[in-house]
Amino acid sequence: MPSTETIKSRLESGKQVNVFSVGAIPSPKLIDLVALVGGYHGIWIDEEHAGLSLAQIELLTLACRSVGLDSYVRLAPLNYAAVMRPMEAGAGGIMAAQIRSAEEARQIVRWAKFPPLGERGLNASNFEGEYATRPLARHVAACNRDRWLSMQIETLEALREIDQIAALPGVDHLFVGPADLSLALGVPG
């Protein structure tokens, strides 16, 4: 039976979160295998480095839901669609890579949240909206409450503004990108 415990709820309650990264091998069968092995709470779908299509993301999030694993998509936050579409596909959240400032993080939040918390447009005819069967007010409230937003700190600019980024309403988590941050600091590795 699929779990109702999300990555976000585990983080909020101070519990450890174990995730498995999928990108180079974007296969629903791999998701099944991870669930069989056990010990994981979610799947990290790496769109930033793997260049996955939206169809692949939809298939992976469907596979995650079918085995009770939460999911989130790491993306290079280029535009509104890049932020909003993985959530419509069913991902429990997103991780925005290469954030450079509090203003960039604020823009990600605006793209990810519905009014009054953001500027995201409403389309409920997808998994997230229960294919237009969920009352819209309930849908908007649930998405604004439940979608997990992580900002990846891996640039000097973001490091300088880390306190402001962490304090932004809607930012649930900061993730340090050790490889890129070490490069930015001039000490690769």
N, C-alpha and C. Protein backbone atom coordinates (compact mmCIF):
# COMPACT_ATOMS: atom_id res chain seq x y z
N MET A 1 0.84 -1.19 0.00
CA MET A 1 0.00 0.00 0.00
C MET A 1 0.88 1.25 0.00
N PRO A 2 0.60 2.20 -0.90
CA PRO A 2 1.42 3.40 -0.96
C PRO A 2 1.39 4.20 0.34
N SER A 3 2.54 4.76 0.69
CA SER A 3 2.68 5.56 1.90
C SER A 3 2.11 6.95 1.68
N THR A 4 1.60 7.55 2.73
CA THR A 4 1.15 8.93 2.65
C THR A 4 2.17 9.88 3.27
N GLU A 5 3.26 9.33 3.77
CA GLU A 5 4.30 10.16 4.37
C GLU A 5 5.17 10.74 3.26
N THR A 6 5.28 12.05 3.24
CA THR A 6 6.04 12.72 2.20
C THR A 6 7.42 13.13 2.70
N ILE A 7 8.29 13.47 1.76
CA ILE A 7 9.60 14.00 2.13
C ILE A 7 9.42 15.24 2.98
N LYS A 8 8.53 16.11 2.56
CA LYS A 8 8.29 17.36 3.29
C LYS A 8 7.83 17.07 4.72
N SER A 9 6.89 16.15 4.90
CA SER A 9 6.39 15.87 6.25
C SER A 9 7.48 15.25 7.12
N ARG A 10 8.34 14.43 6.54
CA ARG A 10 9.45 13.85 7.32
C ARG A 10 10.43 14.95 7.74
N LEU A 11 10.76 15.85 6.82
CA LEU A 11 11.67 16.94 7.16
C LEU A 11 11.08 17.83 8.26
N GLU A 12 9.79 18.14 8.12
CA GLU A 12 9.14 19.00 9.11
C GLU A 12 9.09 18.38 10.49
N SER A 13 9.04 17.04 10.56
CA SER A 13 8.99 16.38 11.86
C SER A 13 10.38 15.98 12.36
N GLY A 14 11.43 16.40 11.64
CA GLY A 14 12.79 16.14 12.08
C GLY A 14 13.28 14.73 11.82
N LYS A 15 12.58 13.99 10.98
CA LYS A 15 12.98 12.61 10.67
C LYS A 15 14.02 12.59 9.56
N GLN A 16 14.83 11.54 9.56
CA GLN A 16 15.80 11.33 8.49
C GLN A 16 15.06 11.03 7.19
N VAL A 17 15.60 11.52 6.08
CA VAL A 17 15.03 11.26 4.76
C VAL A 17 16.09 10.61 3.89
N ASN A 18 15.81 9.43 3.39
CA ASN A 18 16.71 8.72 2.48
C ASN A 18 16.10 8.77 1.08
N VAL A 19 16.87 9.30 0.13
CA VAL A 19 16.39 9.37 -1.25
C VAL A 19 17.37 8.66 -2.18
N PHE A 20 16.84 8.19 -3.28
CA PHE A 20 17.63 7.53 -4.31
C PHE A 20 17.56 8.40 -5.55
N SER A 21 18.70 8.71 -6.16
CA SER A 21 18.73 9.59 -7.33
C SER A 21 18.58 8.80 -8.62
N VAL A 22 17.66 9.27 -9.46
CA VAL A 22 17.41 8.67 -10.76
C VAL A 22 17.59 9.76 -11.81
N GLY A 23 18.38 9.50 -12.79
CA GLY A 23 18.57 10.45 -13.88
C GLY A 23 19.13 9.74 -15.08
N ALA A 24 20.30 9.16 -14.92
CA ALA A 24 20.96 8.47 -16.03
C ALA A 24 20.21 7.20 -16.44
N ILE A 25 19.46 6.62 -15.52
CA ILE A 25 18.68 5.42 -15.82
C ILE A 25 17.22 5.71 -15.44
N PRO A 26 16.50 6.48 -16.26
CA PRO A 26 15.14 6.89 -15.90
C PRO A 26 14.10 5.81 -16.21
N SER A 27 14.14 4.74 -15.44
CA SER A 27 13.27 3.60 -15.71
C SER A 27 12.32 3.34 -14.54
N PRO A 28 11.02 3.17 -14.83
CA PRO A 28 10.09 2.78 -13.77
C PRO A 28 10.50 1.46 -13.10
N LYS A 29 11.17 0.58 -13.85
CA LYS A 29 11.62 -0.68 -13.25
C LYS A 29 12.67 -0.42 -12.17
N LEU A 30 13.49 0.61 -12.35
CA LEU A 30 14.46 0.97 -11.31
C LEU A 30 13.73 1.45 -10.06
N ILE A 31 12.65 2.19 -10.23
CA ILE A 31 11.85 2.65 -9.08
C ILE A 31 11.30 1.43 -8.34
N ASP A 32 10.78 0.45 -9.08
CA ASP A 32 10.28 -0.78 -8.46
C ASP A 32 11.39 -1.47 -7.67
N LEU A 33 12.57 -1.55 -8.24
CA LEU A 33 13.71 -2.19 -7.57
C LEU A 33 14.08 -1.46 -6.28
N VAL A 34 14.12 -0.14 -6.33
CA VAL A 34 14.44 0.66 -5.14
C VAL A 34 13.40 0.40 -4.05
N ALA A 35 12.14 0.32 -4.43
CA ALA A 35 11.08 0.04 -3.45
C ALA A 35 11.24 -1.36 -2.86
N LEU A 36 11.62 -2.32 -3.69
CA LEU A 36 11.82 -3.69 -3.20
C LEU A 36 12.99 -3.78 -2.23
N VAL A 37 14.07 -3.05 -2.53
CA VAL A 37 15.23 -3.04 -1.64
C VAL A 37 14.84 -2.41 -0.31
N GLY A 38 14.05 -1.35 -0.38
CA GLY A 38 13.56 -0.70 0.84
C GLY A 38 14.55 0.29 1.44
N GLY A 39 14.07 1.00 2.45
CA GLY A 39 14.91 1.94 3.16
C GLY A 39 14.90 3.35 2.60
N TYR A 40 14.17 3.58 1.52
CA TYR A 40 14.11 4.90 0.91
C TYR A 40 12.73 5.51 1.11
N HIS A 41 12.72 6.84 1.22
CA HIS A 41 11.47 7.57 1.42
C HIS A 41 11.04 8.31 0.15
N GLY A 42 11.97 8.44 -0.79
CA GLY A 42 11.63 9.16 -2.00
C GLY A 42 12.67 8.98 -3.08
N ILE A 43 12.33 9.49 -4.25
CA ILE A 43 13.19 9.42 -5.42
C ILE A 43 13.52 10.84 -5.87
N TRP A 44 14.80 11.08 -6.09
CA TRP A 44 15.32 12.35 -6.61
C TRP A 44 15.43 12.17 -8.11
N ILE A 45 14.56 12.82 -8.86
CA ILE A 45 14.56 12.75 -10.32
C ILE A 45 15.42 13.90 -10.82
N ASP A 46 16.54 13.58 -11.44
CA ASP A 46 17.53 14.60 -11.81
C ASP A 46 17.35 15.06 -13.25
N GLU A 47 16.52 16.06 -13.43
CA GLU A 47 16.29 16.64 -14.75
C GLU A 47 17.42 17.59 -15.15
N GLU A 48 18.08 18.18 -14.15
CA GLU A 48 19.15 19.15 -14.44
C GLU A 48 20.26 18.52 -15.27
N HIS A 49 20.76 17.40 -14.84
CA HIS A 49 21.91 16.78 -15.51
C HIS A 49 21.52 15.71 -16.52
N ALA A 50 20.33 15.14 -16.41
CA ALA A 50 19.94 14.06 -17.31
C ALA A 50 19.10 14.54 -18.49
N GLY A 51 18.57 15.75 -18.42
CA GLY A 51 17.78 16.26 -19.53
C GLY A 51 16.56 15.43 -19.83
N LEU A 52 15.85 15.02 -18.79
CA LEU A 52 14.66 14.19 -18.97
C LEU A 52 13.52 14.98 -19.60
N SER A 53 12.72 14.30 -20.37
CA SER A 53 11.53 14.92 -20.95
C SER A 53 10.42 14.94 -19.91
N LEU A 54 9.41 15.76 -20.17
CA LEU A 54 8.26 15.78 -19.27
C LEU A 54 7.57 14.42 -19.26
N ALA A 55 7.51 13.73 -20.40
CA ALA A 55 6.90 12.40 -20.45
C ALA A 55 7.66 11.42 -19.54
N GLN A 56 8.98 11.50 -19.53
CA GLN A 56 9.76 10.64 -18.64
C GLN A 56 9.50 10.99 -17.17
N ILE A 57 9.43 12.28 -16.87
CA ILE A 57 9.15 12.70 -15.49
C ILE A 57 7.78 12.20 -15.05
N GLU A 58 6.78 12.33 -15.92
CA GLU A 58 5.44 11.84 -15.59
C GLU A 58 5.46 10.34 -15.30
N LEU A 59 6.16 9.58 -16.13
CA LEU A 59 6.25 8.13 -15.95
C LEU A 59 6.95 7.77 -14.64
N LEU A 60 8.04 8.49 -14.33
CA LEU A 60 8.77 8.22 -13.09
C LEU A 60 7.95 8.59 -11.86
N THR A 61 7.23 9.72 -11.90
CA THR A 61 6.41 10.08 -10.73
C THR A 61 5.25 9.10 -10.56
N LEU A 62 4.71 8.61 -11.66
CA LEU A 62 3.66 7.59 -11.58
C LEU A 62 4.21 6.31 -10.94
N ALA A 63 5.40 5.90 -11.36
CA ALA A 63 6.03 4.71 -10.77
C ALA A 63 6.27 4.92 -9.28
N CYS A 64 6.71 6.11 -8.90
CA CYS A 64 6.95 6.40 -7.47
C CYS A 64 5.65 6.27 -6.68
N ARG A 65 4.60 6.90 -7.17
CA ARG A 65 3.32 6.84 -6.46
C ARG A 65 2.82 5.41 -6.33
N SER A 66 3.05 4.60 -7.37
CA SER A 66 2.52 3.23 -7.35
C SER A 66 3.19 2.36 -6.31
N VAL A 67 4.41 2.73 -5.88
CA VAL A 67 5.11 1.93 -4.87
C VAL A 67 5.24 2.67 -3.54
N GLY A 68 4.54 3.80 -3.39
CA GLY A 68 4.52 4.51 -2.11
C GLY A 68 5.73 5.36 -1.83
N LEU A 69 6.45 5.79 -2.86
CA LEU A 69 7.60 6.67 -2.67
C LEU A 69 7.26 8.08 -3.13
N ASP A 70 7.65 9.07 -2.35
CA ASP A 70 7.50 10.46 -2.77
C ASP A 70 8.57 10.74 -3.82
N SER A 71 8.45 11.85 -4.51
CA SER A 71 9.46 12.20 -5.52
C SER A 71 9.62 13.71 -5.58
N TYR A 72 10.78 14.12 -6.04
CA TYR A 72 10.99 15.52 -6.38
C TYR A 72 11.93 15.58 -7.56
N VAL A 73 11.86 16.69 -8.27
CA VAL A 73 12.63 16.86 -9.49
C VAL A 73 13.64 17.99 -9.30
N ARG A 74 14.93 17.66 -9.51
CA ARG A 74 15.94 18.73 -9.51
C ARG A 74 16.00 19.27 -10.92
N LEU A 75 15.83 20.57 -11.03
CA LEU A 75 15.81 21.19 -12.34
C LEU A 75 16.69 22.43 -12.36
N ALA A 76 17.07 22.80 -13.55
CA ALA A 76 17.73 24.09 -13.75
C ALA A 76 16.60 25.09 -13.96
N PRO A 77 16.35 25.97 -13.01
CA PRO A 77 15.16 26.82 -13.05
C PRO A 77 15.26 27.92 -14.10
N LEU A 78 14.96 27.58 -15.32
CA LEU A 78 15.09 28.52 -16.42
C LEU A 78 13.86 29.39 -16.61
N ASN A 79 12.72 28.82 -16.32
CA ASN A 79 11.49 29.55 -16.61
C ASN A 79 10.33 28.96 -15.82
N TYR A 80 9.21 29.62 -15.95
CA TYR A 80 7.99 29.22 -15.25
C TYR A 80 7.61 27.77 -15.52
N ALA A 81 7.62 27.37 -16.78
CA ALA A 81 7.21 26.00 -17.13
C ALA A 81 8.11 24.96 -16.51
N ALA A 82 9.41 25.25 -16.44
CA ALA A 82 10.35 24.30 -15.85
C ALA A 82 10.04 24.05 -14.38
N VAL A 83 9.51 25.04 -13.70
CA VAL A 83 9.18 24.91 -12.28
C VAL A 83 7.82 24.26 -12.08
N MET A 84 6.83 24.66 -12.84
CA MET A 84 5.45 24.23 -12.63
C MET A 84 5.15 22.84 -13.18
N ARG A 85 5.68 22.48 -14.34
CA ARG A 85 5.30 21.22 -14.99
C ARG A 85 5.64 19.96 -14.21
N PRO A 86 6.81 19.85 -13.56
CA PRO A 86 7.05 18.63 -12.79
C PRO A 86 6.03 18.43 -11.67
N MET A 87 5.54 19.52 -11.07
CA MET A 87 4.54 19.37 -10.02
C MET A 87 3.21 18.92 -10.61
N GLU A 88 2.83 19.47 -11.76
CA GLU A 88 1.61 19.00 -12.42
C GLU A 88 1.73 17.53 -12.79
N ALA A 89 2.95 17.08 -13.08
CA ALA A 89 3.18 15.67 -13.45
C ALA A 89 3.06 14.75 -12.24
N GLY A 90 3.08 15.31 -11.03
CA GLY A 90 2.91 14.49 -9.84
C GLY A 90 4.08 14.48 -8.89
N ALA A 91 5.15 15.22 -9.17
CA ALA A 91 6.28 15.27 -8.23
C ALA A 91 5.84 15.97 -6.95
N GLY A 92 6.34 15.47 -5.83
CA GLY A 92 6.00 16.07 -4.53
C GLY A 92 6.69 17.39 -4.30
N GLY A 93 7.68 17.71 -5.12
CA GLY A 93 8.38 18.98 -4.99
C GLY A 93 9.46 19.10 -6.03
N ILE A 94 10.21 20.19 -5.90
CA ILE A 94 11.33 20.43 -6.82
C ILE A 94 12.54 20.93 -6.04
N MET A 95 13.70 20.70 -6.61
CA MET A 95 14.95 21.27 -6.11
C MET A 95 15.50 22.15 -7.22
N ALA A 96 15.63 23.44 -6.94
CA ALA A 96 16.13 24.38 -7.94
C ALA A 96 17.65 24.48 -7.83
N ALA A 97 18.34 24.05 -8.88
CA ALA A 97 19.80 24.07 -8.89
C ALA A 97 20.32 25.44 -9.30
N GLN A 98 21.57 25.71 -8.92
CA GLN A 98 22.29 26.91 -9.34
C GLN A 98 21.59 28.21 -8.95
N ILE A 99 20.91 28.22 -7.81
CA ILE A 99 20.31 29.46 -7.32
C ILE A 99 21.44 30.43 -7.01
N ARG A 100 21.29 31.67 -7.43
CA ARG A 100 22.35 32.66 -7.23
C ARG A 100 21.98 33.77 -6.26
N SER A 101 20.69 33.92 -5.95
CA SER A 101 20.30 35.02 -5.07
C SER A 101 18.96 34.73 -4.41
N ALA A 102 18.66 35.53 -3.39
CA ALA A 102 17.36 35.43 -2.74
C ALA A 102 16.26 35.80 -3.74
N GLU A 103 16.54 36.73 -4.63
CA GLU A 103 15.54 37.12 -5.62
C GLU A 103 15.23 35.96 -6.57
N GLU A 104 16.23 35.21 -6.99
CA GLU A 104 15.98 34.04 -7.84
C GLU A 104 15.15 33.01 -7.08
N ALA A 105 15.48 32.77 -5.82
CA ALA A 105 14.71 31.81 -5.01
C ALA A 105 13.27 32.30 -4.85
N ARG A 106 13.10 33.60 -4.64
CA ARG A 106 11.76 34.18 -4.51
C ARG A 106 10.96 33.94 -5.79
N GLN A 107 11.61 34.07 -6.95
CA GLN A 107 10.93 33.84 -8.22
C GLN A 107 10.50 32.38 -8.36
N ILE A 108 11.34 31.46 -7.93
CA ILE A 108 10.97 30.03 -7.96
C ILE A 108 9.72 29.81 -7.12
N VAL A 109 9.68 30.39 -5.92
CA VAL A 109 8.50 30.26 -5.06
C VAL A 109 7.27 30.83 -5.77
N ARG A 110 7.40 31.99 -6.39
CA ARG A 110 6.26 32.60 -7.10
C ARG A 110 5.75 31.67 -8.20
N TRP A 111 6.68 31.04 -8.95
CA TRP A 111 6.27 30.14 -10.02
C TRP A 111 5.66 28.84 -9.48
N ALA A 112 6.03 28.42 -8.29
CA ALA A 112 5.59 27.14 -7.74
C ALA A 112 4.29 27.22 -6.95
N LYS A 113 3.96 28.38 -6.44
CA LYS A 113 2.79 28.53 -5.56
C LYS A 113 1.66 29.27 -6.28
N PHE A 114 0.44 28.86 -5.95
CA PHE A 114 -0.75 29.55 -6.46
C PHE A 114 -1.00 30.82 -5.66
N PRO A 115 -1.73 31.80 -6.23
CA PRO A 115 -2.12 32.96 -5.45
C PRO A 115 -2.88 32.52 -4.20
N PRO A 116 -2.71 33.19 -3.09
CA PRO A 116 -2.02 34.46 -2.90
C PRO A 116 -0.52 34.32 -2.61
N LEU A 117 0.00 33.10 -2.55
CA LEU A 117 1.41 32.89 -2.21
C LEU A 117 2.34 33.05 -3.40
N GLY A 118 1.80 32.95 -4.60
CA GLY A 118 2.63 33.01 -5.80
C GLY A 118 1.82 33.43 -7.01
N GLU A 119 2.32 33.07 -8.19
CA GLU A 119 1.71 33.49 -9.45
C GLU A 119 1.41 32.32 -10.37
N ARG A 120 1.47 31.11 -9.85
CA ARG A 120 1.29 29.93 -10.69
C ARG A 120 -0.12 29.89 -11.27
N GLY A 121 -0.21 29.52 -12.54
CA GLY A 121 -1.50 29.37 -13.19
C GLY A 121 -2.15 28.05 -12.82
N LEU A 122 -3.47 28.02 -12.86
CA LEU A 122 -4.23 26.85 -12.41
C LEU A 122 -4.61 25.96 -13.58
N ASN A 123 -4.20 24.70 -13.49
CA ASN A 123 -4.62 23.66 -14.43
C ASN A 123 -4.84 22.42 -13.58
N ALA A 124 -6.08 22.06 -13.39
CA ALA A 124 -6.38 20.92 -12.52
C ALA A 124 -6.65 19.63 -13.31
N SER A 125 -6.47 19.66 -14.62
CA SER A 125 -6.77 18.47 -15.43
C SER A 125 -5.53 17.59 -15.58
N ASN A 126 -4.92 17.25 -14.44
CA ASN A 126 -3.71 16.43 -14.42
C ASN A 126 -3.70 15.63 -13.12
N PHE A 127 -2.66 14.83 -12.90
CA PHE A 127 -2.61 14.02 -11.68
C PHE A 127 -2.72 14.89 -10.44
N GLU A 128 -1.95 15.97 -10.41
CA GLU A 128 -1.93 16.82 -9.23
C GLU A 128 -3.34 17.32 -8.88
N GLY A 129 -4.14 17.64 -9.88
CA GLY A 129 -5.49 18.12 -9.66
C GLY A 129 -6.53 17.02 -9.65
N GLU A 130 -6.05 15.77 -9.54
CA GLU A 130 -6.92 14.60 -9.55
C GLU A 130 -7.84 14.62 -10.77
N TYR A 131 -7.25 15.02 -11.91
CA TYR A 131 -7.94 15.05 -13.19
C TYR A 131 -9.28 15.78 -13.12
N ALA A 132 -9.22 16.97 -12.51
CA ALA A 132 -10.35 17.90 -12.39
C ALA A 132 -11.49 17.37 -11.54
N THR A 133 -11.22 16.41 -10.67
CA THR A 133 -12.27 15.90 -9.78
C THR A 133 -12.16 16.49 -8.37
N ARG A 134 -11.06 17.15 -8.08
CA ARG A 134 -10.85 17.75 -6.76
C ARG A 134 -11.39 19.19 -6.80
N PRO A 135 -12.17 19.59 -5.79
CA PRO A 135 -12.63 20.98 -5.76
C PRO A 135 -11.43 21.94 -5.84
N LEU A 136 -11.56 22.97 -6.67
CA LEU A 136 -10.42 23.84 -6.95
C LEU A 136 -9.85 24.52 -5.71
N ALA A 137 -10.69 24.99 -4.82
CA ALA A 137 -10.18 25.65 -3.61
C ALA A 137 -9.35 24.67 -2.78
N ARG A 138 -9.82 23.43 -2.67
CA ARG A 138 -9.06 22.41 -1.93
C ARG A 138 -7.75 22.07 -2.65
N HIS A 139 -7.80 22.01 -3.96
CA HIS A 139 -6.62 21.73 -4.77
C HIS A 139 -5.55 22.81 -4.55
N VAL A 140 -5.93 24.06 -4.67
CA VAL A 140 -4.99 25.17 -4.50
C VAL A 140 -4.40 25.16 -3.10
N ALA A 141 -5.24 25.00 -2.09
CA ALA A 141 -4.75 24.99 -0.70
C ALA A 141 -3.78 23.83 -0.47
N ALA A 142 -4.12 22.65 -0.98
CA ALA A 142 -3.25 21.47 -0.79
C ALA A 142 -1.91 21.66 -1.49
N CYS A 143 -1.92 22.17 -2.70
CA CYS A 143 -0.66 22.37 -3.43
C CYS A 143 0.21 23.41 -2.74
N ASN A 144 -0.39 24.51 -2.31
CA ASN A 144 0.40 25.54 -1.62
C ASN A 144 0.97 25.02 -0.31
N ARG A 145 0.26 24.12 0.34
CA ARG A 145 0.72 23.58 1.62
C ARG A 145 1.71 22.42 1.44
N ASP A 146 1.47 21.54 0.49
CA ASP A 146 2.18 20.26 0.44
C ASP A 146 3.38 20.20 -0.50
N ARG A 147 3.47 21.05 -1.48
CA ARG A 147 4.59 20.97 -2.41
C ARG A 147 5.87 21.44 -1.74
N TRP A 148 6.93 20.64 -1.87
CA TRP A 148 8.21 20.85 -1.21
C TRP A 148 9.14 21.59 -2.15
N LEU A 149 9.71 22.71 -1.69
CA LEU A 149 10.62 23.51 -2.51
C LEU A 149 11.99 23.57 -1.85
N SER A 150 12.99 23.11 -2.58
CA SER A 150 14.37 23.10 -2.09
C SER A 150 15.22 23.97 -3.00
N MET A 151 16.07 24.77 -2.41
CA MET A 151 16.99 25.61 -3.17
C MET A 151 18.40 25.04 -3.01
N GLN A 152 19.07 24.82 -4.12
CA GLN A 152 20.40 24.23 -4.08
C GLN A 152 21.44 25.35 -4.01
N ILE A 153 22.22 25.32 -2.94
CA ILE A 153 23.26 26.32 -2.69
C ILE A 153 24.57 25.77 -3.24
N GLU A 154 25.01 26.35 -4.37
CA GLU A 154 26.23 25.87 -4.99
C GLU A 154 26.99 26.97 -5.72
N THR A 155 26.65 28.23 -5.41
CA THR A 155 27.36 29.37 -5.99
C THR A 155 27.79 30.31 -4.87
N LEU A 156 28.81 31.11 -5.14
CA LEU A 156 29.26 32.09 -4.14
C LEU A 156 28.17 33.11 -3.86
N GLU A 157 27.44 33.50 -4.90
CA GLU A 157 26.36 34.47 -4.72
C GLU A 157 25.31 33.94 -3.75
N ALA A 158 24.92 32.69 -3.93
CA ALA A 158 23.92 32.09 -3.04
C ALA A 158 24.47 31.94 -1.63
N LEU A 159 25.73 31.59 -1.52
CA LEU A 159 26.35 31.45 -0.20
C LEU A 159 26.30 32.78 0.55
N ARG A 160 26.54 33.88 -0.15
CA ARG A 160 26.49 35.21 0.48
C ARG A 160 25.08 35.57 0.94
N GLU A 161 24.06 35.02 0.27
CA GLU A 161 22.68 35.36 0.60
C GLU A 161 21.92 34.20 1.25
N ILE A 162 22.66 33.25 1.80
CA ILE A 162 22.03 32.02 2.32
C ILE A 162 20.99 32.31 3.41
N ASP A 163 21.25 33.27 4.28
CA ASP A 163 20.28 33.58 5.34
C ASP A 163 18.98 34.13 4.76
N GLN A 164 19.09 35.00 3.77
CA GLN A 164 17.90 35.55 3.14
C GLN A 164 17.13 34.47 2.37
N ILE A 165 17.85 33.58 1.70
CA ILE A 165 17.20 32.49 0.97
C ILE A 165 16.47 31.57 1.94
N ALA A 166 17.13 31.21 3.03
CA ALA A 166 16.52 30.31 4.02
C ALA A 166 15.28 30.93 4.66
N ALA A 167 15.25 32.25 4.78
CA ALA A 167 14.14 32.93 5.46
C ALA A 167 12.93 33.16 4.56
N LEU A 168 13.04 32.87 3.29
CA LEU A 168 11.93 33.14 2.37
C LEU A 168 10.74 32.24 2.65
N PRO A 169 9.54 32.81 2.78
CA PRO A 169 8.34 31.98 2.90
C PRO A 169 8.20 31.11 1.65
N GLY A 170 7.95 29.84 1.85
CA GLY A 170 7.80 28.90 0.74
C GLY A 170 9.04 28.07 0.47
N VAL A 171 10.20 28.49 0.98
CA VAL A 171 11.41 27.69 0.84
C VAL A 171 11.43 26.70 2.01
N ASP A 172 11.37 25.42 1.70
CA ASP A 172 11.29 24.39 2.73
C ASP A 172 12.64 23.80 3.11
N HIS A 173 13.63 23.94 2.23
CA HIS A 173 14.86 23.18 2.41
C HIS A 173 15.98 23.82 1.61
N LEU A 174 17.18 23.77 2.15
CA LEU A 174 18.37 24.16 1.41
C LEU A 174 19.23 22.92 1.24
N PHE A 175 19.79 22.75 0.07
CA PHE A 175 20.64 21.61 -0.22
C PHE A 175 21.96 22.15 -0.75
N VAL A 176 23.06 21.80 -0.10
CA VAL A 176 24.37 22.24 -0.54
C VAL A 176 24.85 21.31 -1.65
N GLY A 177 25.18 21.90 -2.80
CA GLY A 177 25.75 21.15 -3.91
C GLY A 177 27.26 21.13 -3.74
N PRO A 178 27.82 20.09 -3.12
CA PRO A 178 29.23 20.12 -2.73
C PRO A 178 30.20 20.23 -3.90
N ALA A 179 29.93 19.60 -5.01
CA ALA A 179 30.88 19.64 -6.14
C ALA A 179 30.95 21.05 -6.72
N ASP A 180 29.79 21.61 -7.09
CA ASP A 180 29.81 22.94 -7.70
C ASP A 180 30.22 24.02 -6.71
N LEU A 181 29.82 23.89 -5.44
CA LEU A 181 30.23 24.89 -4.45
C LEU A 181 31.73 24.84 -4.23
N SER A 182 32.30 23.64 -4.20
CA SER A 182 33.76 23.55 -4.03
C SER A 182 34.48 24.18 -5.22
N LEU A 183 33.94 24.02 -6.42
CA LEU A 183 34.51 24.69 -7.60
C LEU A 183 34.43 26.20 -7.46
N ALA A 184 33.26 26.68 -7.02
CA ALA A 184 33.07 28.13 -6.84
C ALA A 184 34.02 28.70 -5.80
N LEU A 185 34.35 27.89 -4.80
CA LEU A 185 35.27 28.33 -3.74
C LEU A 185 36.74 28.18 -4.14
N GLY A 186 36.98 27.60 -5.32
CA GLY A 186 38.34 27.44 -5.81
C GLY A 186 39.08 26.25 -5.24
N VAL A 187 38.35 25.32 -4.65
CA VAL A 187 38.96 24.10 -4.09
C VAL A 187 38.16 22.88 -4.57
N PRO A 188 38.30 22.51 -5.85
CA PRO A 188 37.52 21.40 -6.39
C PRO A 188 37.64 20.14 -5.54
N GLY A 189 36.47 19.57 -5.23
CA GLY A 189 36.45 18.32 -4.48
C GLY A 189 36.27 18.57 -3.05
